Amino acid sequence: QVQLVESGGGLVQAGGSLRLSCAASGGTFSNFFMGWFRQAPGKEREFVSAIRKTGGSTYYADSVKGRFTISRDNAKNTVYLQMNSLKPEDTAVYYCAARGTYYPGTYNADRLFAYWGQGTQVTVSS
């Protein structure tokens, strides 16, 4: 069974930075297409970023493009989300997700991700 454990969340002032990590176990990490999603109170879960198995291709929501960077270290079974220039509207619970097969154009489809972490809270104060 694949397990995903997020860490790195916290409270930060607007304009600050955080780096989220997601450690995977129970599967072959290098075979997974990885994604980050977030859910703010009272809102639906939304796509943030994703990365292909080798890290050669990355995808971002328009709202975070230019501020967030996704990366992965297959030797450490870990995916990262570097978040810079944080805004209060970035406040949410951030979830790491994994799936085995990537279909072109579906990088942001949360229903296609089979495995999910428990989430880590990110709070950005104004």
Foldseek 3Di string as FASTA:
>chain_A
DKAKAKDWADEEAQQAKIKMKIAIDDDQLLQKWKFKWWDDPPGDIWGAKTAHSVRPDIDGDPVQPPFWDWDDDSVRRMIMIIGGRDDQVVWTWMKMFIARDDDPPCSTPPVRTDYIHPTDTHGYHD
